[in-house]
Amino acid sequence: WSRSDGLDPLRHSLVLNAITTDDDLLDDLINEPTVTNLYSGNRPTYHM
């Protein structure tokens, strides 16, 4: 994945764990309507 790929490969995700320090990317993902739940860091995607 690269920044030029954008959000397209990440869309339509019930859970997306974005392991990143990029706050702008997290902002974009929080505001992406097809990403239902957003985690960031050392959390399994099944965590509920």
ModelCIF file with pLDDT and N, C-alpha, C, O atoms, coordinates in Angstrom:
data_MODEL
#
_entry.id   MODEL 
#
_entity.id                         1 
_entity.type                       polymer 
_entity.pdbx_number_of_molecules   1 
#
_entity_poly.entity_id                      1 
_entity_poly.type                           'polypeptide(L)' 
_entity_poly.nstd_linkage                   no 
_entity_poly.nstd_monomer                   no 
_entity_poly.pdbx_seq_one_letter_code       WSRSDGLDPLRHSLVLNAITTDDDLLDDLINEPTVTNLYSGNRPTYHM 
_entity_poly.pdbx_seq_one_letter_code_can   WSRSDGLDPLRHSLVLNAITTDDDLLDDLINEPTVTNLYSGNRPTYHM 
_entity_poly.pdbx_strand_id                 A 
#
loop_
_entity_poly_seq.entity_id 
_entity_poly_seq.num 
_entity_poly_seq.mon_id 
_entity_poly_seq.hetero 
1 1  TRP n 
1 2  SER n 
1 3  ARG n 
1 4  SER n 
1 5  ASP n 
1 6  GLY n 
1 7  LEU n 
1 8  ASP n 
1 9  PRO n 
1 10 LEU n 
1 11 ARG n 
1 12 HIS n 
1 13 SER n 
1 14 LEU n 
1 15 VAL n 
1 16 LEU n 
1 17 ASN n 
1 18 ALA n 
1 19 ILE n 
1 20 THR n 
1 21 THR n 
1 22 ASP n 
1 23 ASP n 
1 24 ASP n 
1 25 LEU n 
1 26 LEU n 
1 27 ASP n 
1 28 ASP n 
1 29 LEU n 
1 30 ILE n 
1 31 ASN n 
1 32 GLU n 
1 33 PRO n 
1 34 THR n 
1 35 VAL n 
1 36 THR n 
1 37 ASN n 
1 38 LEU n 
1 39 TYR n 
1 40 SER n 
1 41 GLY n 
1 42 ASN n 
1 43 ARG n 
1 44 PRO n 
1 45 THR n 
1 46 TYR n 
1 47 HIS n 
1 48 MET n 
#
_struct_asym.id          A 
_struct_asym.entity_id   1 
#
loop_
_ma_qa_metric.id 
_ma_qa_metric.mode 
_ma_qa_metric.name 
_ma_qa_metric.software_group_id 
_ma_qa_metric.type 
1 global pLDDT . pLDDT 
2 local  pLDDT . pLDDT 
#
_ma_qa_metric_global.metric_id      1 
_ma_qa_metric_global.metric_value   95.65 
_ma_qa_metric_global.model_id       1 
_ma_qa_metric_global.ordinal_id     1 
#
loop_
_ma_qa_metric_local.label_asym_id 
_ma_qa_metric_local.label_comp_id 
_ma_qa_metric_local.label_seq_id 
_ma_qa_metric_local.metric_id 
_ma_qa_metric_local.metric_value 
_ma_qa_metric_local.model_id 
_ma_qa_metric_local.ordinal_id 
A TRP 1  2 98.00 1 1  
A SER 2  2 96.00 1 2  
A ARG 3  2 94.00 1 3  
A SER 4  2 95.00 1 4  
A ASP 5  2 96.00 1 5  
A GLY 6  2 95.00 1 6  
A LEU 7  2 97.00 1 7  
A ASP 8  2 96.00 1 8  
A PRO 9  2 97.00 1 9  
A LEU 10 2 97.00 1 10 
A ARG 11 2 96.00 1 11 
A HIS 12 2 95.00 1 12 
A SER 13 2 95.00 1 13 
A LEU 14 2 95.00 1 14 
A VAL 15 2 96.00 1 15 
A LEU 16 2 97.00 1 16 
A ASN 17 2 97.00 1 17 
A ALA 18 2 97.00 1 18 
A ILE 19 2 98.00 1 19 
A THR 20 2 97.00 1 20 
A THR 21 2 97.00 1 21 
A ASP 22 2 96.00 1 22 
A ASP 23 2 96.00 1 23 
A ASP 24 2 96.00 1 24 
A LEU 25 2 97.00 1 25 
A LEU 26 2 97.00 1 26 
A ASP 27 2 97.00 1 27 
A ASP 28 2 97.00 1 28 
A LEU 29 2 97.00 1 29 
A ILE 30 2 96.00 1 30 
A ASN 31 2 97.00 1 31 
A GLU 32 2 97.00 1 32 
A PRO 33 2 95.00 1 33 
A THR 34 2 95.00 1 34 
A VAL 35 2 96.00 1 35 
A THR 36 2 95.00 1 36 
A ASN 37 2 95.00 1 37 
A LEU 38 2 96.00 1 38 
A TYR 39 2 96.00 1 39 
A SER 40 2 96.00 1 40 
A GLY 41 2 93.00 1 41 
A ASN 42 2 94.00 1 42 
A ARG 43 2 94.00 1 43 
A PRO 44 2 95.00 1 44 
A THR 45 2 96.00 1 45 
A TYR 46 2 93.00 1 46 
A HIS 47 2 92.00 1 47 
A MET 48 2 86.00 1 48 
#
loop_
_atom_site.group_PDB 
_atom_site.id 
_atom_site.type_symbol 
_atom_site.label_atom_id 
_atom_site.label_alt_id 
_atom_site.label_comp_id 
_atom_site.label_asym_id 
_atom_site.label_entity_id 
_atom_site.label_seq_id 
_atom_site.pdbx_PDB_ins_code 
_atom_site.Cartn_x 
_atom_site.Cartn_y 
_atom_site.Cartn_z 
_atom_site.occupancy 
_atom_site.B_iso_or_equiv 
_atom_site.pdbx_formal_charge 
_atom_site.auth_seq_id 
_atom_site.auth_comp_id 
_atom_site.auth_asym_id 
_atom_site.auth_atom_id 
_atom_site.pdbx_PDB_model_num 
ATOM 1   N N  . TRP A 1 1  ? 0.867   -1.187 0.000  1.00 98.00 ? 1  TRP A N  1 
ATOM 2   C CA . TRP A 1 1  ? 0.000   0.000  0.000  1.00 98.00 ? 1  TRP A CA 1 
ATOM 3   C C  . TRP A 1 1  ? 0.894   1.224  0.000  1.00 98.00 ? 1  TRP A C  1 
ATOM 4   O O  . TRP A 1 1  ? 1.935   1.250  0.656  1.00 98.00 ? 1  TRP A O  1 
ATOM 5   N N  . SER A 1 2  ? 0.476   2.239  -0.744 1.00 96.00 ? 2  SER A N  1 
ATOM 6   C CA . SER A 1 2  ? 1.214   3.506  -0.749 1.00 96.00 ? 2  SER A CA 1 
ATOM 7   C C  . SER A 1 2  ? 0.217   4.651  -0.634 1.00 96.00 ? 2  SER A C  1 
ATOM 8   O O  . SER A 1 2  ? -0.984  4.477  -0.838 1.00 96.00 ? 2  SER A O  1 
ATOM 9   N N  . ARG A 1 3  ? 0.744   5.824  -0.303 1.00 94.00 ? 3  ARG A N  1 
ATOM 10  C CA . ARG A 1 3  ? -0.144  6.987  -0.158 1.00 94.00 ? 3  ARG A CA 1 
ATOM 11  C C  . ARG A 1 3  ? -0.894  7.271  -1.452 1.00 94.00 ? 3  ARG A C  1 
ATOM 12  O O  . ARG A 1 3  ? -2.017  7.776  -1.433 1.00 94.00 ? 3  ARG A O  1 
ATOM 13  N N  . SER A 1 4  ? -0.266  6.944  -2.574 1.00 95.00 ? 4  SER A N  1 
ATOM 14  C CA . SER A 1 4  ? -0.933  7.194  -3.855 1.00 95.00 ? 4  SER A CA 1 
ATOM 15  C C  . SER A 1 4  ? -2.128  6.260  -4.070 1.00 95.00 ? 4  SER A C  1 
ATOM 16  O O  . SER A 1 4  ? -3.021  6.566  -4.860 1.00 95.00 ? 4  SER A O  1 
ATOM 17  N N  . ASP A 1 5  ? -2.144  5.122  -3.369 1.00 96.00 ? 5  ASP A N  1 
ATOM 18  C CA . ASP A 1 5  ? -3.299  4.227  -3.471 1.00 96.00 ? 5  ASP A CA 1 
ATOM 19  C C  . ASP A 1 5  ? -4.515  4.801  -2.755 1.00 96.00 ? 5  ASP A C  1 
ATOM 20  O O  . ASP A 1 5  ? -5.652  4.441  -3.061 1.00 96.00 ? 5  ASP A O  1 
ATOM 21  N N  . GLY A 1 6  ? -4.270  5.689  -1.806 1.00 95.00 ? 6  GLY A N  1 
ATOM 22  C CA . GLY A 1 6  ? -5.371  6.340  -1.113 1.00 95.00 ? 6  GLY A CA 1 
ATOM 23  C C  . GLY A 1 6  ? -6.191  5.378  -0.267 1.00 95.00 ? 6  GLY A C  1 
ATOM 24  O O  . GLY A 1 6  ? -5.689  4.362  0.216  1.00 95.00 ? 6  GLY A O  1 
ATOM 25  N N  . LEU A 1 7  ? -7.458  5.720  -0.099 1.00 97.00 ? 7  LEU A N  1 
ATOM 26  C CA . LEU A 1 7  ? -8.340  4.942  0.768  1.00 97.00 ? 7  LEU A CA 1 
ATOM 27  C C  . LEU A 1 7  ? -9.056  3.808  0.046  1.00 97.00 ? 7  LEU A C  1 
ATOM 28  O O  . LEU A 1 7  ? -9.668  2.959  0.694  1.00 97.00 ? 7  LEU A O  1 
ATOM 29  N N  . ASP A 1 8  ? -8.993  3.777  -1.270 1.00 96.00 ? 8  ASP A N  1 
ATOM 30  C CA . ASP A 1 8  ? -9.771  2.770  -2.007 1.00 96.00 ? 8  ASP A CA 1 
ATOM 31  C C  . ASP A 1 8  ? -9.552  1.341  -1.506 1.00 96.00 ? 8  ASP A C  1 
ATOM 32  O O  . ASP A 1 8  ? -10.533 0.625  -1.305 1.00 96.00 ? 8  ASP A O  1 
ATOM 33  N N  . PRO A 1 9  ? -8.308  0.897  -1.297 1.00 97.00 ? 9  PRO A N  1 
ATOM 34  C CA . PRO A 1 9  ? -8.123  -0.486 -0.846 1.00 97.00 ? 9  PRO A CA 1 
ATOM 35  C C  . PRO A 1 9  ? -8.601  -0.739 0.591  1.00 97.00 ? 9  PRO A C  1 
ATOM 36  O O  . PRO A 1 9  ? -8.720  -1.887 1.018  1.00 97.00 ? 9  PRO A O  1 
ATOM 37  N N  . LEU A 1 10 ? -8.873  0.337  1.327  1.00 97.00 ? 10 LEU A N  1 
ATOM 38  C CA . LEU A 1 10 ? -9.225  0.214  2.743  1.00 97.00 ? 10 LEU A CA 1 
ATOM 39  C C  . LEU A 1 10 ? -10.723 0.309  2.986  1.00 97.00 ? 10 LEU A C  1 
ATOM 40  O O  . LEU A 1 10 ? -11.201 0.044  4.090  1.00 97.00 ? 10 LEU A O  1 
ATOM 41  N N  . ARG A 1 11 ? -11.449 0.683  1.965  1.00 96.00 ? 11 ARG A N  1 
ATOM 42  C CA . ARG A 1 11 ? -12.886 0.898  2.132  1.00 96.00 ? 11 ARG A CA 1 
ATOM 43  C C  . ARG A 1 11 ? -13.630 -0.429 2.326  1.00 96.00 ? 11 ARG A C  1 
ATOM 44  O O  . ARG A 1 11 ? -13.097 -1.511 2.084  1.00 96.00 ? 11 ARG A O  1 
ATOM 45  N N  . HIS A 1 12 ? -14.885 -0.296 2.774  1.00 95.00 ? 12 HIS A N  1 
ATOM 46  C CA . HIS A 1 12 ? -15.788 -1.440 2.961  1.00 95.00 ? 12 HIS A CA 1 
ATOM 47  C C  . HIS A 1 12 ? -15.208 -2.439 3.958  1.00 95.00 ? 12 HIS A C  1 
ATOM 48  O O  . HIS A 1 12 ? -15.151 -3.641 3.698  1.00 95.00 ? 12 HIS A O  1 
ATOM 49  N N  . SER A 1 13 ? -14.778 -1.907 5.113  1.00 95.00 ? 13 SER A N  1 
ATOM 50  C CA . SER A 1 13 ? -14.198 -2.729 6.174  1.00 95.00 ? 13 SER A CA 1 
ATOM 51  C C  . SER A 1 13 ? -15.052 -2.599 7.430  1.00 95.00 ? 13 SER A C  1 
ATOM 52  O O  . SER A 1 13 ? -15.306 -1.492 7.907  1.00 95.00 ? 13 SER A O  1 
ATOM 53  N N  . LEU A 1 14 ? -15.489 -3.729 7.958  1.00 95.00 ? 14 LEU A N  1 
ATOM 54  C CA . LEU A 1 14 ? -16.206 -3.696 9.231  1.00 95.00 ? 14 LEU A CA 1 
ATOM 55  C C  . LEU A 1 14 ? -15.268 -3.207 10.333 1.00 95.00 ? 14 LEU A C  1 
ATOM 56  O O  . LEU A 1 14 ? -15.647 -2.377 11.159 1.00 95.00 ? 14 LEU A O  1 
ATOM 57  N N  . VAL A 1 15 ? -14.043 -3.730 10.338 1.00 96.00 ? 15 VAL A N  1 
ATOM 58  C CA . VAL A 1 15 ? -12.999 -3.249 11.244 1.00 96.00 ? 15 VAL A CA 1 
ATOM 59  C C  . VAL A 1 15 ? -11.746 -2.996 10.421 1.00 96.00 ? 15 VAL A C  1 
ATOM 60  O O  . VAL A 1 15 ? -11.373 -3.809 9.576  1.00 96.00 ? 15 VAL A O  1 
ATOM 61  N N  . LEU A 1 16 ? -11.103 -1.873 10.670 1.00 97.00 ? 16 LEU A N  1 
ATOM 62  C CA . LEU A 1 16 ? -9.788  -1.583 10.091 1.00 97.00 ? 16 LEU A CA 1 
ATOM 63  C C  . LEU A 1 16 ? -8.866  -1.184 11.229 1.00 97.00 ? 16 LEU A C  1 
ATOM 64  O O  . LEU A 1 16 ? -9.130  -0.210 11.934 1.00 97.00 ? 16 LEU A O  1 
ATOM 65  N N  . ASN A 1 17 ? -7.793  -1.928 11.411 1.00 97.00 ? 17 ASN A N  1 
ATOM 66  C CA . ASN A 1 17 ? -6.759  -1.538 12.366 1.00 97.00 ? 17 ASN A CA 1 
ATOM 67  C C  . ASN A 1 17 ? -5.654  -0.846 11.589 1.00 97.00 ? 17 ASN A C  1 
ATOM 68  O O  . ASN A 1 17 ? -4.903  -1.490 10.857 1.00 97.00 ? 17 ASN A O  1 
ATOM 69  N N  . ALA A 1 18 ? -5.556  0.474  11.751 1.00 97.00 ? 18 ALA A N  1 
ATOM 70  C CA . ALA A 1 18 ? -4.521  1.266  11.084 1.00 97.00 ? 18 ALA A CA 1 
ATOM 71  C C  . ALA A 1 18 ? -3.369  1.462  12.068 1.00 97.00 ? 18 ALA A C  1 
ATOM 72  O O  . ALA A 1 18 ? -3.449  2.293  12.973 1.00 97.00 ? 18 ALA A O  1 
ATOM 73  N N  . ILE A 1 19 ? -2.317  0.704  11.887 1.00 98.00 ? 19 ILE A N  1 
ATOM 74  C CA . ILE A 1 19 ? -1.142  0.776  12.758 1.00 98.00 ? 19 ILE A CA 1 
ATOM 75  C C  . ILE A 1 19 ? -0.237  1.864  12.187 1.00 98.00 ? 19 ILE A C  1 
ATOM 76  O O  . ILE A 1 19 ? 0.550   1.622  11.272 1.00 98.00 ? 19 ILE A O  1 
ATOM 77  N N  . THR A 1 20 ? -0.365  3.048  12.736 1.00 97.00 ? 20 THR A N  1 
ATOM 78  C CA . THR A 1 20 ? 0.269   4.222  12.142 1.00 97.00 ? 20 THR A CA 1 
ATOM 79  C C  . THR A 1 20 ? 0.430   5.319  13.179 1.00 97.00 ? 20 THR A C  1 
ATOM 80  O O  . THR A 1 20 ? -0.253  5.318  14.203 1.00 97.00 ? 20 THR A O  1 
ATOM 81  N N  . THR A 1 21 ? 1.333   6.258  12.915 1.00 97.00 ? 21 THR A N  1 
ATOM 82  C CA . THR A 1 21 ? 1.441   7.479  13.721 1.00 97.00 ? 21 THR A CA 1 
ATOM 83  C C  . THR A 1 21 ? 0.901   8.684  12.957 1.00 97.00 ? 21 THR A C  1 
ATOM 84  O O  . THR A 1 21 ? 1.027   9.819  13.416 1.00 97.00 ? 21 THR A O  1 
ATOM 85  N N  . ASP A 1 22 ? 0.302   8.439  11.797 1.00 96.00 ? 22 ASP A N  1 
ATOM 86  C CA . ASP A 1 22 ? -0.174  9.503  10.913 1.00 96.00 ? 22 ASP A CA 1 
ATOM 87  C C  . ASP A 1 22 ? -1.588  9.928  11.332 1.00 96.00 ? 22 ASP A C  1 
ATOM 88  O O  . ASP A 1 22 ? -2.575  9.280  10.984 1.00 96.00 ? 22 ASP A O  1 
ATOM 89  N N  . ASP A 1 23 ? -1.660  11.022 12.080 1.00 96.00 ? 23 ASP A N  1 
ATOM 90  C CA . ASP A 1 23 ? -2.963  11.490 12.559 1.00 96.00 ? 23 ASP A CA 1 
ATOM 91  C C  . ASP A 1 23 ? -3.873  11.921 11.421 1.00 96.00 ? 23 ASP A C  1 
ATOM 92  O O  . ASP A 1 23 ? -5.090  11.754 11.508 1.00 96.00 ? 23 ASP A O  1 
ATOM 93  N N  . ASP A 1 24 ? -3.307  12.471 10.359 1.00 96.00 ? 24 ASP A N  1 
ATOM 94  C CA . ASP A 1 24 ? -4.136  12.885 9.223  1.00 96.00 ? 24 ASP A CA 1 
ATOM 95  C C  . ASP A 1 24 ? -4.791  11.673 8.568  1.00 96.00 ? 24 ASP A C  1 
ATOM 96  O O  . ASP A 1 24 ? -5.949  11.735 8.155  1.00 96.00 ? 24 ASP A O  1 
ATOM 97  N N  . LEU A 1 25 ? -4.052  10.576 8.474  1.00 97.00 ? 25 LEU A N  1 
ATOM 98  C CA . LEU A 1 25 ? -4.621  9.351  7.919  1.00 97.00 ? 25 LEU A CA 1 
ATOM 99  C C  . LEU A 1 25 ? -5.752  8.836  8.808  1.00 97.00 ? 25 LEU A C  1 
ATOM 100 O O  . LEU A 1 25 ? -6.794  8.408  8.310  1.00 97.00 ? 25 LEU A O  1 
ATOM 101 N N  . LEU A 1 26 ? -5.544  8.879  10.115 1.00 97.00 ? 26 LEU A N  1 
ATOM 102 C CA . LEU A 1 26 ? -6.597  8.448  11.033 1.00 97.00 ? 26 LEU A CA 1 
ATOM 103 C C  . LEU A 1 26 ? -7.825  9.348  10.910 1.00 97.00 ? 26 LEU A C  1 
ATOM 104 O O  . LEU A 1 26 ? -8.955  8.866  10.975 1.00 97.00 ? 26 LEU A O  1 
ATOM 105 N N  . ASP A 1 27 ? -7.610  10.646 10.735 1.00 97.00 ? 27 ASP A N  1 
ATOM 106 C CA . ASP A 1 27 ? -8.741  11.556 10.506 1.00 97.00 ? 27 ASP A CA 1 
ATOM 107 C C  . ASP A 1 27 ? -9.531  11.133 9.272  1.00 97.00 ? 27 ASP A C  1 
ATOM 108 O O  . ASP A 1 27 ? -10.760 11.069 9.293  1.00 97.00 ? 27 ASP A O  1 
ATOM 109 N N  . ASP A 1 28 ? -8.801  10.847 8.202  1.00 97.00 ? 28 ASP A N  1 
ATOM 110 C CA . ASP A 1 28 ? -9.471  10.448 6.957  1.00 97.00 ? 28 ASP A CA 1 
ATOM 111 C C  . ASP A 1 28 ? -10.258 9.156  7.143  1.00 97.00 ? 28 ASP A C  1 
ATOM 112 O O  . ASP A 1 28 ? -11.361 9.012  6.616  1.00 97.00 ? 28 ASP A O  1 
ATOM 113 N N  . LEU A 1 29 ? -9.685  8.215  7.898  1.00 97.00 ? 29 LEU A N  1 
ATOM 114 C CA . LEU A 1 29 ? -10.350 6.928  8.080  1.00 97.00 ? 29 LEU A CA 1 
ATOM 115 C C  . LEU A 1 29 ? -11.548 7.035  9.017  1.00 97.00 ? 29 LEU A C  1 
ATOM 116 O O  . LEU A 1 29 ? -12.557 6.359  8.813  1.00 97.00 ? 29 LEU A O  1 
ATOM 117 N N  . ILE A 1 30 ? -11.447 7.877  10.040 1.00 96.00 ? 30 ILE A N  1 
ATOM 118 C CA . ILE A 1 30 ? -12.596 8.106  10.921 1.00 96.00 ? 30 ILE A CA 1 
ATOM 119 C C  . ILE A 1 30 ? -13.765 8.673  10.120 1.00 96.00 ? 30 ILE A C  1 
ATOM 120 O O  . ILE A 1 30 ? -14.923 8.346  10.380 1.00 96.00 ? 30 ILE A O  1 
ATOM 121 N N  . ASN A 1 31 ? -13.457 9.510  9.159  1.00 97.00 ? 31 ASN A N  1 
ATOM 122 C CA . ASN A 1 31 ? -14.505 10.172 8.375  1.00 97.00 ? 31 ASN A CA 1 
ATOM 123 C C  . ASN A 1 31 ? -14.908 9.400  7.124  1.00 97.00 ? 31 ASN A C  1 
ATOM 124 O O  . ASN A 1 31 ? -15.774 9.848  6.372  1.00 97.00 ? 31 ASN A O  1 
ATOM 125 N N  . GLU A 1 32 ? -14.286 8.244  6.895  1.00 97.00 ? 32 GLU A N  1 
ATOM 126 C CA . GLU A 1 32 ? -14.641 7.409  5.745  1.00 97.00 ? 32 GLU A CA 1 
ATOM 127 C C  . GLU A 1 32 ? -15.882 6.580  6.101  1.00 97.00 ? 32 GLU A C  1 
ATOM 128 O O  . GLU A 1 32 ? -15.810 5.734  6.992  1.00 97.00 ? 32 GLU A O  1 
ATOM 129 N N  . PRO A 1 33 ? -17.014 6.801  5.428  1.00 95.00 ? 33 PRO A N  1 
ATOM 130 C CA . PRO A 1 33 ? -18.263 6.149  5.843  1.00 95.00 ? 33 PRO A CA 1 
ATOM 131 C C  . PRO A 1 33 ? -18.281 4.638  5.682  1.00 95.00 ? 33 PRO A C  1 
ATOM 132 O O  . PRO A 1 33 ? -19.064 3.961  6.348  1.00 95.00 ? 33 PRO A O  1 
ATOM 133 N N  . THR A 1 34 ? -17.434 4.090  4.810  1.00 95.00 ? 34 THR A N  1 
ATOM 134 C CA . THR A 1 34 ? -17.465 2.634  4.608  1.00 95.00 ? 34 THR A CA 1 
ATOM 135 C C  . THR A 1 34 ? -16.526 1.883  5.545  1.00 95.00 ? 34 THR A C  1 
ATOM 136 O O  . THR A 1 34 ? -16.480 0.653  5.509  1.00 95.00 ? 34 THR A O  1 
ATOM 137 N N  . VAL A 1 35 ? -15.781 2.595  6.379  1.00 96.00 ? 35 VAL A N  1 
ATOM 138 C CA . VAL A 1 35 ? -15.000 1.958  7.438  1.00 96.00 ? 35 VAL A CA 1 
ATOM 139 C C  . VAL A 1 35 ? -15.845 2.046  8.705  1.00 96.00 ? 35 VAL A C  1 
ATOM 140 O O  . VAL A 1 35 ? -16.013 3.123  9.276  1.00 96.00 ? 35 VAL A O  1 
ATOM 141 N N  . THR A 1 36 ? -16.375 0.904  9.138  1.00 95.00 ? 36 THR A N  1 
ATOM 142 C CA . THR A 1 36 ? -17.353 0.910  10.218 1.00 95.00 ? 36 THR A CA 1 
ATOM 143 C C  . THR A 1 36 ? -16.713 1.123  11.578 1.00 95.00 ? 36 THR A C  1 
ATOM 144 O O  . THR A 1 36 ? -17.194 1.935  12.369 1.00 95.00 ? 36 THR A O  1 
ATOM 145 N N  . ASN A 1 37 ? -15.628 0.401  11.861 1.00 95.00 ? 37 ASN A N  1 
ATOM 146 C CA . ASN A 1 37 ? -14.912 0.522  13.130 1.00 95.00 ? 37 ASN A CA 1 
ATOM 147 C C  . ASN A 1 37 ? -13.434 0.717  12.842 1.00 95.00 ? 37 ASN A C  1 
ATOM 148 O O  . ASN A 1 37 ? -12.861 0.018  12.006 1.00 95.00 ? 37 ASN A O  1 
ATOM 149 N N  . LEU A 1 38 ? -12.823 1.659  13.527 1.00 96.00 ? 38 LEU A N  1 
ATOM 150 C CA . LEU A 1 38 ? -11.408 1.963  13.317 1.00 96.00 ? 38 LEU A CA 1 
ATOM 151 C C  . LEU A 1 38 ? -10.646 1.738  14.615 1.00 96.00 ? 38 LEU A C  1 
ATOM 152 O O  . LEU A 1 38 ? -10.961 2.338  15.643 1.00 96.00 ? 38 LEU A O  1 
ATOM 153 N N  . TYR A 1 39 ? -9.646  0.873  14.560 1.00 96.00 ? 39 TYR A N  1 
ATOM 154 C CA . TYR A 1 39 ? -8.725  0.665  15.672 1.00 96.00 ? 39 TYR A CA 1 
ATOM 155 C C  . TYR A 1 39 ? -7.357  1.187  15.239 1.00 96.00 ? 39 TYR A C  1 
ATOM 156 O O  . TYR A 1 39 ? -7.101  1.387  14.052 1.00 96.00 ? 39 TYR A O  1 
ATOM 157 N N  . SER A 1 40 ? -6.495  1.401  16.211 1.00 96.00 ? 40 SER A N  1 
ATOM 158 C CA . SER A 1 40 ? -5.141  1.825  15.871 1.00 96.00 ? 40 SER A CA 1 
ATOM 159 C C  . SER A 1 40 ? -4.180  1.323  16.934 1.00 96.00 ? 40 SER A C  1 
ATOM 160 O O  . SER A 1 40 ? -4.174  1.804  18.067 1.00 96.00 ? 40 SER A O  1 
ATOM 161 N N  . GLY A 1 41 ? -3.365  0.343  16.549 1.00 93.00 ? 41 GLY A N  1 
ATOM 162 C CA . GLY A 1 41 ? -2.352  -0.143 17.471 1.00 93.00 ? 41 GLY A CA 1 
ATOM 163 C C  . GLY A 1 41 ? -2.452  -1.630 17.752 1.00 93.00 ? 41 GLY A C  1 
ATOM 164 O O  . GLY A 1 41 ? -2.924  -2.404 16.919 1.00 93.00 ? 41 GLY A O  1 
ATOM 165 N N  . ASN A 1 42 ? -2.010  -2.012 18.918 1.00 94.00 ? 42 ASN A N  1 
ATOM 166 C CA . ASN A 1 42 ? -1.829  -3.422 19.258 1.00 94.00 ? 42 ASN A CA 1 
ATOM 167 C C  . ASN A 1 42 ? -3.122  -4.033 19.785 1.00 94.00 ? 42 ASN A C  1 
ATOM 168 O O  . ASN A 1 42 ? -3.174  -4.508 20.920 1.00 94.00 ? 42 ASN A O  1 
ATOM 169 N N  . ARG A 1 43 ? -4.166  -4.019 18.957 1.00 94.00 ? 43 ARG A N  1 
ATOM 170 C CA . ARG A 1 43 ? -5.469  -4.558 19.303 1.00 94.00 ? 43 ARG A CA 1 
ATOM 171 C C  . ARG A 1 43 ? -5.918  -5.520 18.203 1.00 94.00 ? 43 ARG A C  1 
ATOM 172 O O  . ARG A 1 43 ? -5.850  -5.172 17.025 1.00 94.00 ? 43 ARG A O  1 
ATOM 173 N N  . PRO A 1 44 ? -6.374  -6.718 18.559 1.00 95.00 ? 44 PRO A N  1 
ATOM 174 C CA . PRO A 1 44 ? -6.888  -7.610 17.521 1.00 95.00 ? 44 PRO A CA 1 
ATOM 175 C C  . PRO A 1 44 ? -8.191  -7.063 16.942 1.00 95.00 ? 44 PRO A C  1 
ATOM 176 O O  . PRO A 1 44 ? -8.948  -6.380 17.632 1.00 95.00 ? 44 PRO A O  1 
ATOM 177 N N  . THR A 1 45 ? -8.437  -7.360 15.707 1.00 96.00 ? 45 THR A N  1 
ATOM 178 C CA . THR A 1 45 ? -9.622  -6.804 15.056 1.00 96.00 ? 45 THR A CA 1 
ATOM 179 C C  . THR A 1 45 ? -10.916 -7.403 15.582 1.00 96.00 ? 45 THR A C  1 
ATOM 180 O O  . THR A 1 45 ? -11.990 -6.855 15.334 1.00 96.00 ? 45 THR A O  1 
ATOM 181 N N  . TYR A 1 46 ? -10.839 -8.523 16.308 1.00 93.00 ? 46 TYR A N  1 
ATOM 182 C CA . TYR A 1 46 ? -12.059 -9.109 16.873 1.00 93.00 ? 46 TYR A CA 1 
ATOM 183 C C  . TYR A 1 46 ? -12.382 -8.540 18.257 1.00 93.00 ? 46 TYR A C  1 
ATOM 184 O O  . TYR A 1 46 ? -13.352 -8.967 18.884 1.00 93.00 ? 46 TYR A O  1 
ATOM 185 N N  . HIS A 1 47 ? -11.582 -7.579 18.744 1.00 92.00 ? 47 HIS A N  1 
ATOM 186 C CA . HIS A 1 47 ? -11.798 -7.022 20.081 1.00 92.00 ? 47 HIS A CA 1 
ATOM 187 C C  . HIS A 1 47 ? -13.140 -6.298 20.141 1.00 92.00 ? 47 HIS A C  1 
ATOM 188 O O  . HIS A 1 47 ? -13.405 -5.401 19.341 1.00 92.00 ? 47 HIS A O  1 
ATOM 189 N N  . MET A 1 48 ? -13.988 -6.695 21.098 1.00 86.00 ? 48 MET A N  1 
ATOM 190 C CA . MET A 1 48 ? -15.288 -6.070 21.276 1.00 86.00 ? 48 MET A CA 1 
ATOM 191 C C  . MET A 1 48 ? -15.601 -5.978 22.771 1.00 86.00 ? 48 MET A C  1 
ATOM 192 O O  . MET A 1 48 ? -16.660 -5.478 23.150 1.00 86.00 ? 48 MET A O  1 
#
